[in-house]
Amino acid sequence: MLRSQVLELHNISHGSAGARSIAIMATLRDFKMGRWLAGRLMKELGLVSCQQPTHRYKRGGHEHIVIPNHLERQFAVTEPTKCGVAM
C-alpha cells in the first residue's frame, strides 16, 4: 500500500520529488510516513529524484577577436537608404 503511494506521488511530481517531499505529500494524504521510510521505499522501487535544469540564456560574449571593430559603433545616419525605392 505504501509502495503504491510512493510510486504515485513520484509520478505526480514527474520524477522530481525526493524522499523528503514524498514523505510530506504522503503525510498530507493521511499516510504516516517519515523521510527515512520514503527513502527506503524509493530505493526498493528504483526511484531517483531528478530535478529539471533551469533555462539559462547564453551570455553575450566579447567581440570577435579575428575581425576588429573599426567603426567602434560611432557613426551617424543622415538619411535613410534609397535602394530600390522610386521617388
PDB file of N, CA and C in Angstrom:
ATOM      1  N   MET A   1       0.828  -1.197   0.000  1.00  0.00           N
ATOM      2  CA  MET A   1       0.000   0.000   0.000  1.00  0.00           C
ATOM      3  C   MET A   1       0.870   1.258   0.000  1.00  0.00           C
ATOM      4  N   LEU A   2       1.886   1.291   0.866  1.00  0.00           N
ATOM      5  CA  LEU A   2       2.758   2.459   0.910  1.00  0.00           C
ATOM      6  C   LEU A   2       3.599   2.575  -0.356  1.00  0.00           C
ATOM      7  N   ARG A   3       4.009   1.412  -0.895  1.00  0.00           N
ATOM      8  CA  ARG A   3       4.802   1.430  -2.132  1.00  0.00           C
ATOM      9  C   ARG A   3       4.021   2.069  -3.269  1.00  0.00           C
ATOM     10  N   SER A   4       2.742   1.724  -3.373  1.00  0.00           N
ATOM     11  CA  SER A   4       1.926   2.293  -4.454  1.00  0.00           C
ATOM     12  C   SER A   4       1.753   3.795  -4.262  1.00  0.00           C
ATOM     13  N   GLN A   5       1.664   4.254  -3.011  1.00  0.00           N
ATOM     14  CA  GLN A   5       1.555   5.692  -2.750  1.00  0.00           C
ATOM     15  C   GLN A   5       2.846   6.411  -3.137  1.00  0.00           C
ATOM     16  N   VAL A   6       3.980   5.817  -2.789  1.00  0.00           N
ATOM     17  CA  VAL A   6       5.269   6.422  -3.137  1.00  0.00           C
ATOM     18  C   VAL A   6       5.422   6.504  -4.641  1.00  0.00           C
ATOM     19  N   LEU A   7       5.062   5.428  -5.334  1.00  0.00           N
ATOM     20  CA  LEU A   7       5.150   5.408  -6.792  1.00  0.00           C
ATOM     21  C   LEU A   7       4.224   6.453  -7.411  1.00  0.00           C
ATOM     22  N   GLU A   8       3.006   6.551  -6.895  1.00  0.00           N
ATOM     23  CA  GLU A   8       2.043   7.522  -7.424  1.00  0.00           C
ATOM     24  C   GLU A   8       2.522   8.953  -7.188  1.00  0.00           C
ATOM     25  N   LEU A   9       3.013   9.244  -5.992  1.00  0.00           N
ATOM     26  CA  LEU A   9       3.479  10.596  -5.678  1.00  0.00           C
ATOM     27  C   LEU A   9       4.710  10.962  -6.507  1.00  0.00           C
ATOM     28  N   HIS A  10       5.562   9.993  -6.748  1.00  0.00           N
ATOM     29  CA  HIS A  10       6.748  10.245  -7.573  1.00  0.00           C
ATOM     30  C   HIS A  10       6.334  10.541  -9.011  1.00  0.00           C
ATOM     31  N   ASN A  11       5.337   9.814  -9.511  1.00  0.00           N
ATOM     32  CA  ASN A  11       4.843  10.053 -10.870  1.00  0.00           C
ATOM     33  C   ASN A  11       4.119  11.398 -10.978  1.00  0.00           C
ATOM     34  N   ILE A  12       3.376  11.772  -9.941  1.00  0.00           N
ATOM     35  CA  ILE A  12       2.678  13.063  -9.953  1.00  0.00           C
ATOM     36  C   ILE A  12       3.678  14.210 -10.056  1.00  0.00           C
ATOM     37  N   SER A  13       4.818  14.060  -9.393  1.00  0.00           N
ATOM     38  CA  SER A  13       5.829  15.126  -9.407  1.00  0.00           C
ATOM     39  C   SER A  13       6.716  15.062 -10.639  1.00  0.00           C
ATOM     40  N   HIS A  14       6.410  14.167 -11.575  1.00  0.00           N
ATOM     41  CA  HIS A  14       7.203  13.971 -12.799  1.00  0.00           C
ATOM     42  C   HIS A  14       8.650  13.618 -12.482  1.00  0.00           C
ATOM     43  N   GLY A  15       8.838  12.863 -11.410  1.00  0.00           N
ATOM     44  CA  GLY A  15      10.162  12.366 -11.056  1.00  0.00           C
ATOM     45  C   GLY A  15      11.039  13.343 -10.308  1.00  0.00           C
ATOM     46  N   SER A  16      10.484  14.488  -9.897  1.00  0.00           N
ATOM     47  CA  SER A  16      11.330  15.479  -9.237  1.00  0.00           C
ATOM     48  C   SER A  16      11.272  15.403  -7.711  1.00  0.00           C
ATOM     49  N   ALA A  17      10.306  14.694  -7.143  1.00  0.00           N
ATOM     50  CA  ALA A  17      10.173  14.621  -5.692  1.00  0.00           C
ATOM     51  C   ALA A  17      11.173  13.638  -5.110  1.00  0.00           C
ATOM     52  N   GLY A  18      11.830  14.067  -4.050  1.00  0.00           N
ATOM     53  CA  GLY A  18      12.742  13.206  -3.322  1.00  0.00           C
ATOM     54  C   GLY A  18      12.044  12.614  -2.110  1.00  0.00           C
ATOM     55  N   ALA A  19      12.809  11.979  -1.249  1.00  0.00           N
ATOM     56  CA  ALA A  19      12.240  11.308  -0.082  1.00  0.00           C
ATOM     57  C   ALA A  19      11.538  12.286   0.851  1.00  0.00           C
ATOM     58  N   ARG A  20      12.128  13.452   1.033  1.00  0.00           N
ATOM     59  CA  ARG A  20      11.545  14.446   1.937  1.00  0.00           C
ATOM     60  C   ARG A  20      10.195  14.932   1.410  1.00  0.00           C
ATOM     61  N   SER A  21      10.141  15.235   0.112  1.00  0.00           N
ATOM     62  CA  SER A  21       8.894  15.720  -0.485  1.00  0.00           C
ATOM     63  C   SER A  21       7.829  14.634  -0.485  1.00  0.00           C
ATOM     64  N   ILE A  22       8.221  13.421  -0.799  1.00  0.00           N
ATOM     65  CA  ILE A  22       7.257  12.315  -0.825  1.00  0.00           C
ATOM     66  C   ILE A  22       6.712  12.048   0.573  1.00  0.00           C
ATOM     67  N   ALA A  23       7.557  12.146   1.588  1.00  0.00           N
ATOM     68  CA  ALA A  23       7.104  11.932   2.959  1.00  0.00           C
ATOM     69  C   ALA A  23       6.082  12.995   3.358  1.00  0.00           C
ATOM     70  N   ILE A  24       6.328  14.235   2.966  1.00  0.00           N
ATOM     71  CA  ILE A  24       5.392  15.321   3.299  1.00  0.00           C
ATOM     72  C   ILE A  24       4.068  15.127   2.558  1.00  0.00           C
ATOM     73  N   MET A  25       4.142  14.800   1.254  1.00  0.00           N
ATOM     74  CA  MET A  25       2.912  14.624   0.471  1.00  0.00           C
ATOM     75  C   MET A  25       2.113  13.419   0.969  1.00  0.00           C
ATOM     76  N   ALA A  26       2.787  12.350   1.358  1.00  0.00           N
ATOM     77  CA  ALA A  26       2.094  11.160   1.863  1.00  0.00           C
ATOM     78  C   ALA A  26       1.428  11.463   3.199  1.00  0.00           C
ATOM     79  N   THR A  27       2.090  12.230   4.044  1.00  0.00           N
ATOM     80  CA  THR A  27       1.521  12.592   5.334  1.00  0.00           C
ATOM     81  C   THR A  27       0.278  13.455   5.143  1.00  0.00           C
ATOM     82  N   LEU A  28       0.308  14.344   4.137  1.00  0.00           N
ATOM     83  CA  LEU A  28      -0.873  15.161   3.846  1.00  0.00           C
ATOM     84  C   LEU A  28      -2.033  14.316   3.334  1.00  0.00           C
ATOM     85  N   ARG A  29      -1.725  13.149   2.774  1.00  0.00           N
ATOM     86  CA  ARG A  29      -2.761  12.220   2.304  1.00  0.00           C
ATOM     87  C   ARG A  29      -3.140  11.209   3.385  1.00  0.00           C
ATOM     88  N   ASP A  30      -2.779  11.466   4.624  1.00  0.00           N
ATOM     89  CA  ASP A  30      -3.081  10.610   5.785  1.00  0.00           C
ATOM     90  C   ASP A  30      -2.387   9.254   5.738  1.00  0.00           C
ATOM     91  N   PHE A  31      -1.206   9.193   5.135  1.00  0.00           N
ATOM     92  CA  PHE A  31      -0.349   8.012   5.206  1.00  0.00           C
ATOM     93  C   PHE A  31       0.860   8.409   6.040  1.00  0.00           C
ATOM     94  N   LYS A  32       0.941   7.879   7.243  1.00  0.00           N
ATOM     95  CA  LYS A  32       2.020   8.239   8.151  1.00  0.00           C
ATOM     96  C   LYS A  32       3.339   7.740   7.572  1.00  0.00           C
ATOM     97  N   MET A  33       4.216   8.672   7.202  1.00  0.00           N
ATOM     98  CA  MET A  33       5.475   8.277   6.578  1.00  0.00           C
ATOM     99  C   MET A  33       6.538   9.320   6.905  1.00  0.00           C
ATOM    100  N   GLY A  34       7.699   8.832   7.261  1.00  0.00           N
ATOM    101  CA  GLY A  34       8.829   9.710   7.515  1.00  0.00           C
ATOM    102  C   GLY A  34       9.773   9.731   6.329  1.00  0.00           C
ATOM    103  N   ARG A  35      10.755  10.571   6.429  1.00  0.00           N
ATOM    104  CA  ARG A  35      11.722  10.720   5.337  1.00  0.00           C
ATOM    105  C   ARG A  35      12.524   9.442   5.118  1.00  0.00           C
ATOM    106  N   TRP A  36      12.895   8.789   6.201  1.00  0.00           N
ATOM    107  CA  TRP A  36      13.700   7.572   6.096  1.00  0.00           C
ATOM    108  C   TRP A  36      12.919   6.463   5.399  1.00  0.00           C
ATOM    109  N   LEU A  37      11.648   6.276   5.789  1.00  0.00           N
ATOM    110  CA  LEU A  37      10.818   5.238   5.175  1.00  0.00           C
ATOM    111  C   LEU A  37      10.579   5.555   3.697  1.00  0.00           C
ATOM    112  N   ALA A  38      10.325   6.805   3.388  1.00  0.00           N
ATOM    113  CA  ALA A  38      10.108   7.192   1.988  1.00  0.00           C
ATOM    114  C   ALA A  38      11.357   6.913   1.164  1.00  0.00           C
ATOM    115  N   GLY A  39      12.511   7.215   1.709  1.00  0.00           N
ATOM    116  CA  GLY A  39      13.763   6.959   1.004  1.00  0.00           C
ATOM    117  C   GLY A  39      14.018   5.484   0.789  1.00  0.00           C
ATOM    118  N   ARG A  40      13.691   4.681   1.790  1.00  0.00           N
ATOM    119  CA  ARG A  40      13.884   3.230   1.680  1.00  0.00           C
ATOM    120  C   ARG A  40      12.943   2.637   0.640  1.00  0.00           C
ATOM    121  N   LEU A  41      11.693   3.097   0.635  1.00  0.00           N
ATOM    122  CA  LEU A  41      10.733   2.607  -0.358  1.00  0.00           C
ATOM    123  C   LEU A  41      11.120   3.056  -1.767  1.00  0.00           C
ATOM    124  N   MET A  42      11.628   4.276  -1.889  1.00  0.00           N
ATOM    125  CA  MET A  42      12.093   4.756  -3.190  1.00  0.00           C
ATOM    126  C   MET A  42      13.235   3.881  -3.694  1.00  0.00           C
ATOM    127  N   LYS A  43      14.122   3.515  -2.789  1.00  0.00           N
ATOM    128  CA  LYS A  43      15.262   2.675  -3.167  1.00  0.00           C
ATOM    129  C   LYS A  43      14.791   1.289  -3.613  1.00  0.00           C
ATOM    130  N   GLU A  44      13.808   0.728  -2.899  1.00  0.00           N
ATOM    131  CA  GLU A  44      13.258  -0.580  -3.273  1.00  0.00           C
ATOM    132  C   GLU A  44      12.599  -0.535  -4.649  1.00  0.00           C
ATOM    133  N   LEU A  45      11.924   0.581  -4.946  1.00  0.00           N
ATOM    134  CA  LEU A  45      11.222   0.720  -6.223  1.00  0.00           C
ATOM    135  C   LEU A  45      12.139   1.203  -7.345  1.00  0.00           C
ATOM    136  N   GLY A  46      13.361   1.568  -7.000  1.00  0.00           N
ATOM    137  CA  GLY A  46      14.313   2.055  -8.003  1.00  0.00           C
ATOM    138  C   GLY A  46      14.007   3.465  -8.477  1.00  0.00           C
ATOM    139  N   LEU A  47      13.414   4.271  -7.614  1.00  0.00           N
ATOM    140  CA  LEU A  47      13.061   5.649  -7.969  1.00  0.00           C
ATOM    141  C   LEU A  47      14.170   6.603  -7.561  1.00  0.00           C
ATOM    142  N   VAL A  48      14.478   7.545  -8.430  1.00  0.00           N
ATOM    143  CA  VAL A  48      15.507   8.540  -8.153  1.00  0.00           C
ATOM    144  C   VAL A  48      14.929   9.911  -8.463  1.00  0.00           C
ATOM    145  N   SER A  49      15.227  10.868  -7.621  1.00  0.00           N
ATOM    146  CA  SER A  49      14.762  12.235  -7.847  1.00  0.00           C
ATOM    147  C   SER A  49      15.641  12.914  -8.883  1.00  0.00           C
ATOM    148  N   CYS A  50      15.023  13.443  -9.924  1.00  0.00           N
ATOM    149  CA  CYS A  50      15.749  14.179 -10.969  1.00  0.00           C
ATOM    150  C   CYS A  50      15.129  15.553 -11.112  1.00  0.00           C
ATOM    151  N   GLN A  51      15.905  16.593 -10.853  1.00  0.00           N
ATOM    152  CA  GLN A  51      15.417  17.965 -10.968  1.00  0.00           C
ATOM    153  C   GLN A  51      15.613  18.451 -12.390  1.00  0.00           C
ATOM    154  N   GLN A  52      14.627  19.171 -12.911  1.00  0.00           N
ATOM    155  CA  GLN A  52      14.746  19.766 -14.234  1.00  0.00           C
ATOM    156  C   GLN A  52      15.742  20.917 -14.163  1.00  0.00           C
ATOM    157  N   PRO A  53      16.692  20.982 -15.082  1.00  0.00           N
ATOM    158  CA  PRO A  53      17.619  22.113 -15.055  1.00  0.00           C
ATOM    159  C   PRO A  53      16.902  23.402 -15.446  1.00  0.00           C
ATOM    160  N   THR A  54      17.316  24.498 -14.845  1.00  0.00           N
ATOM    161  CA  THR A  54      16.699  25.780 -15.166  1.00  0.00           C
ATOM    162  C   THR A  54      17.215  26.267 -16.507  1.00  0.00           C
ATOM    163  N   HIS A  55      16.366  26.985 -17.216  1.00  0.00           N
ATOM    164  CA  HIS A  55      16.751  27.514 -18.524  1.00  0.00           C
ATOM    165  C   HIS A  55      17.658  28.724 -18.331  1.00  0.00           C
ATOM    166  N   ARG A  56      18.749  28.751 -19.052  1.00  0.00           N
ATOM    167  CA  ARG A  56      19.656  29.885 -18.972  1.00  0.00           C
ATOM    168  C   ARG A  56      19.935  30.391 -20.375  1.00  0.00           C
ATOM    169  N   TYR A  57      19.842  31.697 -20.529  1.00  0.00           N
ATOM    170  CA  TYR A  57      20.204  32.294 -21.800  1.00  0.00           C
ATOM    171  C   TYR A  57      21.719  32.393 -21.889  1.00  0.00           C
ATOM    172  N   LYS A  58      22.229  32.309 -23.115  1.00  0.00           N
ATOM    173  CA  LYS A  58      23.666  32.472 -23.290  1.00  0.00           C
ATOM    174  C   LYS A  58      24.021  33.931 -23.037  1.00  0.00           C
ATOM    175  N   ARG A  59      25.113  34.135 -22.375  1.00  0.00           N
ATOM    176  CA  ARG A  59      25.572  35.496 -22.133  1.00  0.00           C
ATOM    177  C   ARG A  59      26.229  36.026 -23.397  1.00  0.00           C
ATOM    178  N   GLY A  60      26.038  37.298 -23.646  1.00  0.00           N
ATOM    179  CA  GLY A  60      26.700  37.926 -24.784  1.00  0.00           C
ATOM    180  C   GLY A  60      28.196  37.951 -24.534  1.00  0.00           C
ATOM    181  N   GLY A  61      28.934  37.425 -25.443  1.00  0.00           N
ATOM    182  CA  GLY A  61      30.375  37.344 -25.252  1.00  0.00           C
ATOM    183  C   GLY A  61      31.086  38.602 -25.716  1.00  0.00           C
ATOM    184  N   HIS A  62      32.356  38.487 -25.840  1.00  0.00           N
ATOM    185  CA  HIS A  62      33.168  39.593 -26.317  1.00  0.00           C
ATOM    186  C   HIS A  62      33.075  39.659 -27.828  1.00  0.00           C
ATOM    187  N   GLU A  63      33.534  40.782 -28.387  1.00  0.00           N
ATOM    188  CA  GLU A  63      33.508  40.878 -29.838  1.00  0.00           C
ATOM    189  C   GLU A  63      34.475  39.869 -30.430  1.00  0.00           C
ATOM    190  N   HIS A  64      34.274  39.575 -31.679  1.00  0.00           N
ATOM    191  CA  HIS A  64      35.085  38.566 -32.348  1.00  0.00           C
ATOM    192  C   HIS A  64      36.543  39.017 -32.376  1.00  0.00           C
ATOM    193  N   ILE A  65      37.438  38.150 -32.007  1.00  0.00           N
ATOM    194  CA  ILE A  65      38.850  38.508 -31.879  1.00  0.00           C
ATOM    195  C   ILE A  65      39.510  38.698 -33.250  1.00  0.00           C
ATOM    196  N   VAL A  66      39.161  37.855 -34.221  1.00  0.00           N
ATOM    197  CA  VAL A  66      39.819  37.882 -35.523  1.00  0.00           C
ATOM    198  C   VAL A  66      39.416  39.121 -36.329  1.00  0.00           C
ATOM    199  N   ILE A  67      38.156  39.525 -36.235  1.00  0.00           N
ATOM    200  CA  ILE A  67      37.667  40.656 -37.018  1.00  0.00           C
ATOM    201  C   ILE A  67      37.522  41.861 -36.088  1.00  0.00           C
ATOM    202  N   PRO A  68      38.399  42.857 -36.202  1.00  0.00           N
ATOM    203  CA  PRO A  68      38.305  44.020 -35.309  1.00  0.00           C
ATOM    204  C   PRO A  68      37.119  44.924 -35.679  1.00  0.00           C
ATOM    205  N   ASN A  69      36.649  45.671 -34.704  1.00  0.00           N
ATOM    206  CA  ASN A  69      35.534  46.598 -34.898  1.00  0.00           C
ATOM    207  C   ASN A  69      36.115  47.968 -35.251  1.00  0.00           C
ATOM    208  N   HIS A  70      36.208  48.266 -36.557  1.00  0.00           N
ATOM    209  CA  HIS A  70      36.799  49.524 -36.999  1.00  0.00           C
ATOM    210  C   HIS A  70      35.872  50.713 -36.752  1.00  0.00           C
ATOM    211  N   LEU A  71      34.584  50.525 -36.807  1.00  0.00           N
ATOM    212  CA  LEU A  71      33.649  51.644 -36.655  1.00  0.00           C
ATOM    213  C   LEU A  71      33.466  52.037 -35.195  1.00  0.00           C
ATOM    214  N   GLU A  72      33.711  51.124 -34.284  1.00  0.00           N
ATOM    215  CA  GLU A  72      33.538  51.369 -32.850  1.00  0.00           C
ATOM    216  C   GLU A  72      32.128  51.868 -32.548  1.00  0.00           C
ATOM    217  N   ARG A  73      31.183  51.544 -33.431  1.00  0.00           N
ATOM    218  CA  ARG A  73      29.782  51.934 -33.279  1.00  0.00           C
ATOM    219  C   ARG A  73      29.601  53.451 -33.221  1.00  0.00           C
ATOM    220  N   GLN A  74      30.481  54.200 -33.815  1.00  0.00           N
ATOM    221  CA  GLN A  74      30.362  55.653 -33.828  1.00  0.00           C
ATOM    222  C   GLN A  74      30.122  56.105 -35.269  1.00  0.00           C
ATOM    223  N   PHE A  75      28.886  56.132 -35.663  1.00  0.00           N
ATOM    224  CA  PHE A  75      28.525  56.612 -36.985  1.00  0.00           C
ATOM    225  C   PHE A  75      27.148  57.257 -36.886  1.00  0.00           C
ATOM    226  N   ALA A  76      26.898  58.215 -37.745  1.00  0.00           N
ATOM    227  CA  ALA A  76      25.628  58.926 -37.726  1.00  0.00           C
ATOM    228  C   ALA A  76      24.902  58.677 -39.041  1.00  0.00           C
ATOM    229  N   VAL A  77      23.631  58.388 -38.980  1.00  0.00           N
ATOM    230  CA  VAL A  77      22.808  58.184 -40.159  1.00  0.00           C
ATOM    231  C   VAL A  77      22.176  59.536 -40.506  1.00  0.00           C
ATOM    232  N   THR A  78      22.497  60.034 -41.683  1.00  0.00           N
ATOM    233  CA  THR A  78      21.980  61.353 -42.057  1.00  0.00           C
ATOM    234  C   THR A  78      20.642  61.256 -42.771  1.00  0.00           C
ATOM    235  N   GLU A  79      20.450  60.209 -43.585  1.00  0.00           N
ATOM    236  CA  GLU A  79      19.174  59.998 -44.257  1.00  0.00           C
ATOM    237  C   GLU A  79      19.004  58.513 -44.518  1.00  0.00           C
ATOM    238  N   PRO A  80      17.747  58.094 -44.707  1.00  0.00           N
ATOM    239  CA  PRO A  80      17.530  56.662 -44.941  1.00  0.00           C
ATOM    240  C   PRO A  80      18.033  56.245 -46.310  1.00  0.00           C
ATOM    241  N   THR A  81      18.319  54.951 -46.438  1.00  0.00           N
ATOM    242  CA  THR A  81      18.780  54.417 -47.716  1.00  0.00           C
ATOM    243  C   THR A  81      17.661  54.487 -48.735  1.00  0.00           C
ATOM    244  N   LYS A  82      18.072  54.665 -50.006  1.00  0.00           N
ATOM    245  CA  LYS A  82      17.069  54.778 -51.070  1.00  0.00           C
ATOM    246  C   LYS A  82      17.221  53.646 -52.066  1.00  0.00           C
ATOM    247  N   CYS A  83      17.629  52.503 -51.628  1.00  0.00           N
ATOM    248  CA  CYS A  83      17.810  51.341 -52.522  1.00  0.00           C
ATOM    249  C   CYS A  83      16.463  50.802 -52.941  1.00  0.00           C
ATOM    250  N   GLY A  84      16.216  50.751 -54.216  1.00  0.00           N
ATOM    251  CA  GLY A  84      15.015  50.131 -54.753  1.00  0.00           C
ATOM    252  C   GLY A  84      13.741  50.923 -54.550  1.00  0.00           C
ATOM    253  N   VAL A  85      13.816  52.133 -54.036  1.00  0.00           N
ATOM    254  CA  VAL A  85      12.614  52.928 -53.811  1.00  0.00           C
ATOM    255  C   VAL A  85      12.514  53.987 -54.883  1.00  0.00           C
ATOM    256  N   ALA A  86      11.408  54.005 -55.608  1.00  0.00           N
ATOM    257  CA  ALA A  86      11.220  55.019 -56.677  1.00  0.00           C
ATOM    258  C   ALA A  86      10.594  56.265 -56.066  1.00  0.00           C
ATOM    259  N   MET A  87      11.234  57.400 -56.300  1.00  0.00           N
ATOM    260  CA  MET A  87      10.701  58.641 -55.751  1.00  0.00           C
ATOM    261  C   MET A  87      10.329  59.591 -56.829  1.00  0.00           C
TER     262      MET A  87
END
